[in-house]
Amino acid sequence: PPTDPQTSWDYSNNSDTRSFEATNDVTPQSSRSQITTQYDNVELRPVKTGKGLFPKITALGIGTLATVDGPDRETIIPGHVNNSIVGGFSGAVLSDLNLLSNSQMMFEFGAQMMSTGSLTGYQLPSSYTAYWAAPTQPTEYDEEFRLTYLGAAINFKYYVKSVTETGMFVKAGVLPSFLMSKTYDNFGTHLFNETRYGEFSTFDLLLTGAVGFTYKISNSLFATAEGGGFQGVIPVAANYNIYNAGAYLGLGISYLL
């Protein structure tokens, strides 16, 4: 072991793994003698401190509940639409970035997909229904659009204990995102289509925040869960002043490097 009296080390003997810390009361020579006397085939290795530049990598599966908000929300989500929320699934691969040489305060970056959208609807104007509509023709219609984005997550992350321990964390940041795919469904109604929205925006900047918990399974492996929300700042559609909004839950694993 090194002569530094506060250096932490692990040593193992087959399945028996314990921690050993050198102190001023035990010299390196005598400590080595004591360990060798009690255990055969002793292997000393440094404890992971979480203070490297990239201390932990996390892979998450993400479920979202999304809708839209903004000044024109009631225009595209009239009163007959009781529930505007749509569900979706996506994922992320994220890495902690330790620029502060601190095992609690980290930056986080990586690739993250986000599924958004909303159930919307259309109320036929009274002037149209009075002149054109048959008595049996519905005057209220439902529709739905879904958007999938791929972005670069940039977060500030704080571990309540340490990146190397079981415990809670909080994070907040931004997710600059590019539109990868979109779907629209008018449920068989051909009176209107997605052109009434104009073009869907190909870029959005999502503000994100989350609270999470990480559970230490082994020296390097953690189970991770986090729940949070997102809010877009760029209008989703050209013809309406609406914005992405919603909540998400992420479950996955983390690896301590």
C-alpha atoms as a PDB file:
ATOM      1  CA  PRO A   1       0.000   0.000   0.000  1.00  0.00           C
ATOM      2  CA  PRO A   2       1.148   3.602  -0.425  1.00  0.00           C
ATOM      3  CA  THR A   3       2.562   5.603   2.469  1.00  0.00           C
ATOM      4  CA  ASP A   4      -0.387   8.043   2.312  1.00  0.00           C
ATOM      5  CA  PRO A   5      -2.145   7.318   5.658  1.00  0.00           C
ATOM      6  CA  GLN A   6      -5.629   8.106   4.266  1.00  0.00           C
ATOM      7  CA  THR A   7      -5.550   6.070   1.066  1.00  0.00           C
ATOM      8  CA  SER A   8      -8.394   3.538   0.834  1.00  0.00           C
ATOM      9  CA  TRP A   9      -7.818   0.091  -0.666  1.00  0.00           C
ATOM     10  CA  ASP A  10      -9.793  -3.083  -1.232  1.00  0.00           C
ATOM     11  CA  TYR A  11      -8.282  -6.504  -0.739  1.00  0.00           C
ATOM     12  CA  SER A  12      -9.902  -9.835  -1.483  1.00  0.00           C
ATOM     13  CA  ASN A  13      -9.379 -13.496  -0.705  1.00  0.00           C
ATOM     14  CA  ASN A  14     -11.581 -15.504  -3.061  1.00  0.00           C
ATOM     15  CA  SER A  15     -15.173 -14.510  -2.077  1.00  0.00           C
ATOM     16  CA  ASP A  16     -14.086 -12.504   0.993  1.00  0.00           C
ATOM     17  CA  THR A  17     -13.768  -8.800   0.076  1.00  0.00           C
ATOM     18  CA  ARG A  18     -13.167  -6.144   2.711  1.00  0.00           C
ATOM     19  CA  SER A  19     -11.894  -2.567   2.934  1.00  0.00           C
ATOM     20  CA  PHE A  20      -8.528  -1.672   4.396  1.00  0.00           C
ATOM     21  CA  GLU A  21      -7.393   1.841   5.273  1.00  0.00           C
ATOM     22  CA  ALA A  22      -3.820   2.605   6.205  1.00  0.00           C
ATOM     23  CA  THR A  23      -3.468   4.756   9.343  1.00  0.00           C
ATOM     24  CA  ASN A  24      -0.637   6.402  11.183  1.00  0.00           C
ATOM     25  CA  ASP A  25      -0.802   3.609  13.726  1.00  0.00           C
ATOM     26  CA  VAL A  26       0.143   0.936  11.153  1.00  0.00           C
ATOM     27  CA  THR A  27       3.146   1.186   8.879  1.00  0.00           C
ATOM     28  CA  PRO A  28       2.897  -0.107   5.304  1.00  0.00           C
ATOM     29  CA  GLN A  29       5.341  -2.885   6.153  1.00  0.00           C
ATOM     30  CA  SER A  30       3.504  -4.110   9.222  1.00  0.00           C
ATOM     31  CA  SER A  31       0.089  -3.792   7.551  1.00  0.00           C
ATOM     32  CA  ARG A  32       1.250  -5.955   4.661  1.00  0.00           C
ATOM     33  CA  SER A  33       2.519  -8.510   7.144  1.00  0.00           C
ATOM     34  CA  GLN A  34      -0.764  -8.559   9.055  1.00  0.00           C
ATOM     35  CA  ILE A  35      -2.839  -9.036   5.907  1.00  0.00           C
ATOM     36  CA  THR A  36      -0.607 -11.760   4.511  1.00  0.00           C
ATOM     37  CA  THR A  37      -0.725 -13.596   7.807  1.00  0.00           C
ATOM     38  CA  GLN A  38      -4.526 -13.693   7.818  1.00  0.00           C
ATOM     39  CA  TYR A  39      -5.219 -14.172   4.097  1.00  0.00           C
ATOM     40  CA  ASP A  40      -3.521 -16.063   1.324  1.00  0.00           C
ATOM     41  CA  ASN A  41      -3.385 -14.806  -2.273  1.00  0.00           C
ATOM     42  CA  VAL A  42      -4.056 -11.215  -1.225  1.00  0.00           C
ATOM     43  CA  GLU A  43      -4.804  -8.773  -4.033  1.00  0.00           C
ATOM     44  CA  LEU A  44      -4.785  -5.020  -3.310  1.00  0.00           C
ATOM     45  CA  ARG A  45      -6.604  -2.645  -5.645  1.00  0.00           C
ATOM     46  CA  PRO A  46      -7.678   1.025  -5.438  1.00  0.00           C
ATOM     47  CA  VAL A  47     -11.246   1.856  -4.431  1.00  0.00           C
ATOM     48  CA  LYS A  48     -13.217   3.682  -7.168  1.00  0.00           C
ATOM     49  CA  THR A  49     -13.556   7.278  -6.028  1.00  0.00           C
ATOM     50  CA  GLY A  50     -15.789   8.661  -8.795  1.00  0.00           C
ATOM     51  CA  LYS A  51     -13.410  11.554  -9.337  1.00  0.00           C
ATOM     52  CA  GLY A  52     -12.331  10.671 -12.878  1.00  0.00           C
ATOM     53  CA  LEU A  53     -13.361  12.857 -15.797  1.00  0.00           C
ATOM     54  CA  PHE A  54     -16.110  10.416 -16.896  1.00  0.00           C
ATOM     55  CA  PRO A  55     -17.054   8.609 -13.648  1.00  0.00           C
ATOM     56  CA  LYS A  56     -20.387   7.019 -14.594  1.00  0.00           C
ATOM     57  CA  ILE A  57     -22.289   6.046 -17.771  1.00  0.00           C
ATOM     58  CA  THR A  58     -26.064   5.495 -17.704  1.00  0.00           C
ATOM     59  CA  ALA A  59     -28.426   3.814 -20.183  1.00  0.00           C
ATOM     60  CA  LEU A  60     -32.145   4.545 -19.706  1.00  0.00           C
ATOM     61  CA  GLY A  61     -35.418   3.402 -21.178  1.00  0.00           C
ATOM     62  CA  ILE A  62     -37.846   6.336 -21.057  1.00  0.00           C
ATOM     63  CA  GLY A  63     -41.630   6.444 -20.962  1.00  0.00           C
ATOM     64  CA  THR A  64     -43.336   9.800 -21.580  1.00  0.00           C
ATOM     65  CA  LEU A  65     -46.745  11.346 -21.040  1.00  0.00           C
ATOM     66  CA  ALA A  66     -46.977  14.334 -23.370  1.00  0.00           C
ATOM     67  CA  THR A  67     -49.361  17.090 -24.422  1.00  0.00           C
ATOM     68  CA  VAL A  68     -49.090  20.694 -25.573  1.00  0.00           C
ATOM     69  CA  ASP A  69     -49.606  24.027 -23.836  1.00  0.00           C
ATOM     70  CA  GLY A  70     -49.563  27.654 -24.895  1.00  0.00           C
ATOM     71  CA  PRO A  71     -52.001  30.402 -25.916  1.00  0.00           C
ATOM     72  CA  ASP A  72     -53.635  28.306 -28.673  1.00  0.00           C
ATOM     73  CA  ARG A  73     -54.066  25.145 -26.615  1.00  0.00           C
ATOM     74  CA  GLU A  74     -57.843  25.540 -26.277  1.00  0.00           C
ATOM     75  CA  THR A  75     -58.167  26.157 -30.010  1.00  0.00           C
ATOM     76  CA  ILE A  76     -56.745  22.774 -30.988  1.00  0.00           C
ATOM     77  CA  ILE A  77     -57.979  20.955 -27.854  1.00  0.00           C
ATOM     78  CA  PRO A  78     -61.669  21.927 -27.660  1.00  0.00           C
ATOM     79  CA  GLY A  79     -63.905  20.990 -24.764  1.00  0.00           C
ATOM     80  CA  HIS A  80     -65.028  17.630 -26.123  1.00  0.00           C
ATOM     81  CA  VAL A  81     -61.428  16.290 -25.938  1.00  0.00           C
ATOM     82  CA  ASN A  82     -61.413  15.023 -22.361  1.00  0.00           C
ATOM     83  CA  ASN A  83     -57.833  13.755 -22.310  1.00  0.00           C
ATOM     84  CA  SER A  84     -55.106  15.305 -24.457  1.00  0.00           C
ATOM     85  CA  ILE A  85     -52.225  13.173 -23.139  1.00  0.00           C
ATOM     86  CA  VAL A  86     -50.399  10.675 -25.361  1.00  0.00           C
ATOM     87  CA  GLY A  87     -47.879   8.094 -24.192  1.00  0.00           C
ATOM     88  CA  GLY A  88     -44.581   7.206 -25.827  1.00  0.00           C
ATOM     89  CA  PHE A  89     -41.317   5.340 -25.348  1.00  0.00           C
ATOM     90  CA  SER A  90     -37.731   6.382 -26.047  1.00  0.00           C
ATOM     91  CA  GLY A  91     -34.284   6.128 -24.481  1.00  0.00           C
ATOM     92  CA  ALA A  92     -31.020   7.808 -23.566  1.00  0.00           C
ATOM     93  CA  VAL A  93     -27.306   7.094 -23.130  1.00  0.00           C
ATOM     94  CA  LEU A  94     -25.788   9.626 -20.729  1.00  0.00           C
ATOM     95  CA  SER A  95     -22.404  10.198 -19.096  1.00  0.00           C
ATOM     96  CA  ASP A  96     -21.479  12.142 -15.998  1.00  0.00           C
ATOM     97  CA  LEU A  97     -18.735  14.691 -16.640  1.00  0.00           C
ATOM     98  CA  ASN A  98     -16.673  15.585 -13.582  1.00  0.00           C
ATOM     99  CA  LEU A  99     -15.195  18.987 -14.402  1.00  0.00           C
ATOM    100  CA  LEU A 100     -15.244  20.128 -10.767  1.00  0.00           C
ATOM    101  CA  SER A 101     -13.206  17.227  -9.297  1.00  0.00           C
ATOM    102  CA  ASN A 102     -16.094  16.566  -6.945  1.00  0.00           C
ATOM    103  CA  SER A 103     -17.892  13.255  -6.337  1.00  0.00           C
ATOM    104  CA  GLN A 104     -21.274  14.977  -5.815  1.00  0.00           C
ATOM    105  CA  MET A 105     -21.553  17.807  -8.373  1.00  0.00           C
ATOM    106  CA  MET A 106     -21.432  16.723 -12.013  1.00  0.00           C
ATOM    107  CA  PHE A 107     -22.298  17.834 -15.481  1.00  0.00           C
ATOM    108  CA  GLU A 108     -24.195  15.292 -17.575  1.00  0.00           C
ATOM    109  CA  PHE A 109     -24.276  14.970 -21.333  1.00  0.00           C
ATOM    110  CA  GLY A 110     -25.310  12.422 -23.927  1.00  0.00           C
ATOM    111  CA  ALA A 111     -27.809  11.405 -26.591  1.00  0.00           C
ATOM    112  CA  GLN A 112     -31.478  11.354 -25.624  1.00  0.00           C
ATOM    113  CA  MET A 113     -34.668  10.712 -27.570  1.00  0.00           C
ATOM    114  CA  MET A 114     -37.970  12.247 -26.495  1.00  0.00           C
ATOM    115  CA  SER A 115     -41.450  11.291 -27.615  1.00  0.00           C
ATOM    116  CA  THR A 116     -44.025  14.127 -27.569  1.00  0.00           C
ATOM    117  CA  GLY A 117     -47.392  14.973 -29.115  1.00  0.00           C
ATOM    118  CA  SER A 118     -51.018  15.406 -28.139  1.00  0.00           C
ATOM    119  CA  LEU A 119     -54.566  14.293 -28.679  1.00  0.00           C
ATOM    120  CA  THR A 120     -56.351  17.224 -30.292  1.00  0.00           C
ATOM    121  CA  GLY A 121     -59.673  17.900 -31.967  1.00  0.00           C
ATOM    122  CA  TYR A 122     -61.796  20.083 -34.176  1.00  0.00           C
ATOM    123  CA  GLN A 123     -65.138  21.765 -33.580  1.00  0.00           C
ATOM    124  CA  LEU A 124     -67.017  22.594 -36.783  1.00  0.00           C
ATOM    125  CA  PRO A 125     -68.046  26.268 -36.898  1.00  0.00           C
ATOM    126  CA  SER A 126     -71.753  26.925 -36.368  1.00  0.00           C
ATOM    127  CA  SER A 127     -71.983  28.658 -39.750  1.00  0.00           C
ATOM    128  CA  TYR A 128     -70.690  25.512 -41.462  1.00  0.00           C
ATOM    129  CA  THR A 129     -72.980  23.125 -39.612  1.00  0.00           C
ATOM    130  CA  ALA A 130     -76.063  25.281 -40.254  1.00  0.00           C
ATOM    131  CA  TYR A 131     -75.534  25.374 -44.028  1.00  0.00           C
ATOM    132  CA  TRP A 132     -73.649  22.172 -44.954  1.00  0.00           C
ATOM    133  CA  ALA A 133     -73.959  19.554 -42.273  1.00  0.00           C
ATOM    134  CA  ALA A 134     -76.656  16.895 -42.319  1.00  0.00           C
ATOM    135  CA  PRO A 135     -78.594  16.497 -39.050  1.00  0.00           C
ATOM    136  CA  THR A 136     -76.820  13.223 -38.318  1.00  0.00           C
ATOM    137  CA  GLN A 137     -73.305  14.452 -39.162  1.00  0.00           C
ATOM    138  CA  PRO A 138     -70.992  14.838 -36.144  1.00  0.00           C
ATOM    139  CA  THR A 139     -69.849  18.360 -35.399  1.00  0.00           C
ATOM    140  CA  GLU A 140     -66.899  17.366 -33.183  1.00  0.00           C
ATOM    141  CA  TYR A 141     -63.882  15.389 -34.354  1.00  0.00           C
ATOM    142  CA  ASP A 142     -60.781  13.938 -32.695  1.00  0.00           C
ATOM    143  CA  GLU A 143     -57.250  13.811 -34.044  1.00  0.00           C
ATOM    144  CA  GLU A 144     -53.759  13.048 -32.803  1.00  0.00           C
ATOM    145  CA  PHE A 145     -50.169  13.881 -33.648  1.00  0.00           C
ATOM    146  CA  ARG A 146     -46.969  12.359 -32.317  1.00  0.00           C
ATOM    147  CA  LEU A 147     -43.428  13.713 -32.651  1.00  0.00           C
ATOM    148  CA  THR A 148     -40.118  11.986 -31.947  1.00  0.00           C
ATOM    149  CA  TYR A 149     -37.002  14.063 -31.277  1.00  0.00           C
ATOM    150  CA  LEU A 150     -33.320  13.204 -30.959  1.00  0.00           C
ATOM    151  CA  GLY A 151     -31.293  15.610 -28.867  1.00  0.00           C
ATOM    152  CA  ALA A 152     -28.089  16.282 -26.950  1.00  0.00           C
ATOM    153  CA  ALA A 153     -28.781  16.375 -23.213  1.00  0.00           C
ATOM    154  CA  ILE A 154     -26.823  18.958 -21.202  1.00  0.00           C
ATOM    155  CA  ASN A 155     -27.562  18.874 -17.456  1.00  0.00           C
ATOM    156  CA  PHE A 156     -26.169  19.908 -14.108  1.00  0.00           C
ATOM    157  CA  LYS A 157     -26.452  16.957 -11.711  1.00  0.00           C
ATOM    158  CA  TYR A 158     -26.109  16.792  -7.940  1.00  0.00           C
ATOM    159  CA  TYR A 159     -25.720  13.550  -5.975  1.00  0.00           C
ATOM    160  CA  VAL A 160     -26.972  13.891  -2.388  1.00  0.00           C
ATOM    161  CA  LYS A 161     -24.276  11.461  -1.198  1.00  0.00           C
ATOM    162  CA  SER A 162     -21.764  10.580  -3.889  1.00  0.00           C
ATOM    163  CA  VAL A 163     -21.593   9.224  -7.432  1.00  0.00           C
ATOM    164  CA  THR A 164     -20.136   6.026  -5.934  1.00  0.00           C
ATOM    165  CA  GLU A 165     -22.908   5.387  -3.382  1.00  0.00           C
ATOM    166  CA  THR A 166     -26.569   4.464  -3.191  1.00  0.00           C
ATOM    167  CA  GLY A 167     -28.648   7.625  -2.929  1.00  0.00           C
ATOM    168  CA  MET A 168     -30.765  10.309  -4.543  1.00  0.00           C
ATOM    169  CA  PHE A 169     -29.815  12.888  -7.132  1.00  0.00           C
ATOM    170  CA  VAL A 170     -31.392  15.916  -8.796  1.00  0.00           C
ATOM    171  CA  LYS A 171     -30.638  17.380 -12.204  1.00  0.00           C
ATOM    172  CA  ALA A 172     -31.767  20.164 -14.520  1.00  0.00           C
ATOM    173  CA  GLY A 173     -30.731  21.315 -17.964  1.00  0.00           C
ATOM    174  CA  VAL A 174     -31.628  21.638 -21.627  1.00  0.00           C
ATOM    175  CA  LEU A 175     -32.255  19.201 -24.471  1.00  0.00           C
ATOM    176  CA  PRO A 176     -31.686  20.785 -27.913  1.00  0.00           C
ATOM    177  CA  SER A 177     -33.597  18.391 -30.173  1.00  0.00           C
ATOM    178  CA  PHE A 178     -34.168  17.692 -33.855  1.00  0.00           C
ATOM    179  CA  LEU A 179     -37.402  16.193 -35.177  1.00  0.00           C
ATOM    180  CA  MET A 180     -36.776  12.647 -36.387  1.00  0.00           C
ATOM    181  CA  SER A 181     -40.322  11.507 -37.202  1.00  0.00           C
ATOM    182  CA  LYS A 182     -43.973  12.561 -36.985  1.00  0.00           C
ATOM    183  CA  THR A 183     -47.330  10.817 -37.301  1.00  0.00           C
ATOM    184  CA  TYR A 184     -50.826  12.243 -37.677  1.00  0.00           C
ATOM    185  CA  ASP A 185     -54.171  10.483 -37.355  1.00  0.00           C
ATOM    186  CA  ASN A 186     -57.606  12.000 -38.033  1.00  0.00           C
ATOM    187  CA  PHE A 187     -59.334   8.696 -37.179  1.00  0.00           C
ATOM    188  CA  GLY A 188     -60.941   8.408 -40.596  1.00  0.00           C
ATOM    189  CA  THR A 189     -62.253  11.965 -40.843  1.00  0.00           C
ATOM    190  CA  HIS A 190     -61.456  13.532 -44.205  1.00  0.00           C
ATOM    191  CA  LEU A 191     -62.870  17.008 -43.594  1.00  0.00           C
ATOM    192  CA  PHE A 192     -59.412  18.191 -42.543  1.00  0.00           C
ATOM    193  CA  ASN A 193     -55.825  16.916 -42.184  1.00  0.00           C
ATOM    194  CA  GLU A 194     -52.480  17.896 -40.698  1.00  0.00           C
ATOM    195  CA  THR A 195     -52.045  20.786 -43.128  1.00  0.00           C
ATOM    196  CA  ARG A 196     -54.188  22.891 -40.829  1.00  0.00           C
ATOM    197  CA  TYR A 197     -51.209  22.957 -38.422  1.00  0.00           C
ATOM    198  CA  GLY A 198     -48.849  24.212 -41.084  1.00  0.00           C
ATOM    199  CA  GLU A 199     -45.372  22.729 -40.886  1.00  0.00           C
ATOM    200  CA  PHE A 200     -44.309  21.030 -37.663  1.00  0.00           C
ATOM    201  CA  SER A 201     -41.117  22.564 -36.285  1.00  0.00           C
ATOM    202  CA  THR A 202     -38.006  20.536 -37.075  1.00  0.00           C
ATOM    203  CA  PHE A 203     -36.202  21.783 -33.934  1.00  0.00           C
ATOM    204  CA  ASP A 204     -37.122  22.347 -30.306  1.00  0.00           C
ATOM    205  CA  LEU A 205     -35.260  23.356 -27.174  1.00  0.00           C
ATOM    206  CA  LEU A 206     -36.654  21.423 -24.217  1.00  0.00           C
ATOM    207  CA  LEU A 207     -36.072  22.550 -20.631  1.00  0.00           C
ATOM    208  CA  THR A 208     -35.761  19.462 -18.446  1.00  0.00           C
ATOM    209  CA  GLY A 209     -35.577  18.596 -14.763  1.00  0.00           C
ATOM    210  CA  ALA A 210     -35.666  15.354 -12.785  1.00  0.00           C
ATOM    211  CA  VAL A 211     -35.268  13.685  -9.399  1.00  0.00           C
ATOM    212  CA  GLY A 212     -33.690  10.241  -9.319  1.00  0.00           C
ATOM    213  CA  PHE A 213     -32.386   7.383  -7.225  1.00  0.00           C
ATOM    214  CA  THR A 214     -29.429   5.127  -7.895  1.00  0.00           C
ATOM    215  CA  TYR A 215     -28.919   1.799  -6.103  1.00  0.00           C
ATOM    216  CA  LYS A 216     -25.488   0.194  -5.870  1.00  0.00           C
ATOM    217  CA  ILE A 217     -25.607  -3.436  -6.993  1.00  0.00           C
ATOM    218  CA  SER A 218     -21.870  -4.060  -7.063  1.00  0.00           C
ATOM    219  CA  ASN A 219     -18.620  -2.116  -7.004  1.00  0.00           C
ATOM    220  CA  SER A 220     -19.313  -0.826 -10.537  1.00  0.00           C
ATOM    221  CA  LEU A 221     -22.972  -1.504 -11.375  1.00  0.00           C
ATOM    222  CA  PHE A 222     -26.000   0.555 -10.290  1.00  0.00           C
ATOM    223  CA  ALA A 223     -29.743   0.408 -10.919  1.00  0.00           C
ATOM    224  CA  THR A 224     -31.047   3.872 -11.748  1.00  0.00           C
ATOM    225  CA  ALA A 225     -34.509   5.436 -11.835  1.00  0.00           C
ATOM    226  CA  GLU A 226     -35.493   9.043 -12.465  1.00  0.00           C
ATOM    227  CA  GLY A 227     -38.696  10.972 -12.990  1.00  0.00           C
ATOM    228  CA  GLY A 228     -39.072  14.475 -14.323  1.00  0.00           C
ATOM    229  CA  GLY A 229     -40.670  16.852 -16.753  1.00  0.00           C
ATOM    230  CA  PHE A 230     -39.956  18.809 -19.917  1.00  0.00           C
ATOM    231  CA  GLN A 231     -41.142  22.059 -21.449  1.00  0.00           C
ATOM    232  CA  GLY A 232     -40.520  23.218 -25.011  1.00  0.00           C
ATOM    233  CA  VAL A 233     -39.726  26.858 -25.793  1.00  0.00           C
ATOM    234  CA  ILE A 234     -40.206  26.804 -29.591  1.00  0.00           C
ATOM    235  CA  PRO A 235     -43.723  26.573 -31.106  1.00  0.00           C
ATOM    236  CA  VAL A 236     -44.522  23.066 -32.336  1.00  0.00           C
ATOM    237  CA  ALA A 237     -46.600  24.135 -35.345  1.00  0.00           C
ATOM    238  CA  ALA A 238     -46.427  27.059 -37.742  1.00  0.00           C
ATOM    239  CA  ASN A 239     -50.139  27.951 -37.542  1.00  0.00           C
ATOM    240  CA  TYR A 240     -50.662  27.636 -33.775  1.00  0.00           C
ATOM    241  CA  ASN A 241     -48.820  28.996 -30.757  1.00  0.00           C
ATOM    242  CA  ILE A 242     -48.427  25.681 -28.909  1.00  0.00           C
ATOM    243  CA  TYR A 243     -45.461  24.081 -27.140  1.00  0.00           C
ATOM    244  CA  ASN A 244     -44.333  20.581 -26.169  1.00  0.00           C
ATOM    245  CA  ALA A 245     -44.859  19.729 -22.501  1.00  0.00           C
ATOM    246  CA  GLY A 246     -45.013  16.604 -20.390  1.00  0.00           C
ATOM    247  CA  ALA A 247     -43.520  14.243 -17.839  1.00  0.00           C
ATOM    248  CA  TYR A 248     -41.269  11.202 -18.124  1.00  0.00           C
ATOM    249  CA  LEU A 249     -39.989   8.210 -16.176  1.00  0.00           C
ATOM    250  CA  GLY A 250     -36.619   6.635 -16.916  1.00  0.00           C
ATOM    251  CA  LEU A 251     -35.369   3.214 -15.749  1.00  0.00           C
ATOM    252  CA  GLY A 252     -31.970   1.732 -16.500  1.00  0.00           C
ATOM    253  CA  ILE A 253     -28.498   0.820 -15.366  1.00  0.00           C
ATOM    254  CA  SER A 254     -25.351   2.824 -14.624  1.00  0.00           C
ATOM    255  CA  TYR A 255     -21.714   1.721 -14.764  1.00  0.00           C
ATOM    256  CA  LEU A 256     -19.055   3.314 -12.595  1.00  0.00           C
ATOM    257  CA  LEU A 257     -15.777   3.595 -14.496  1.00  0.00           C
END
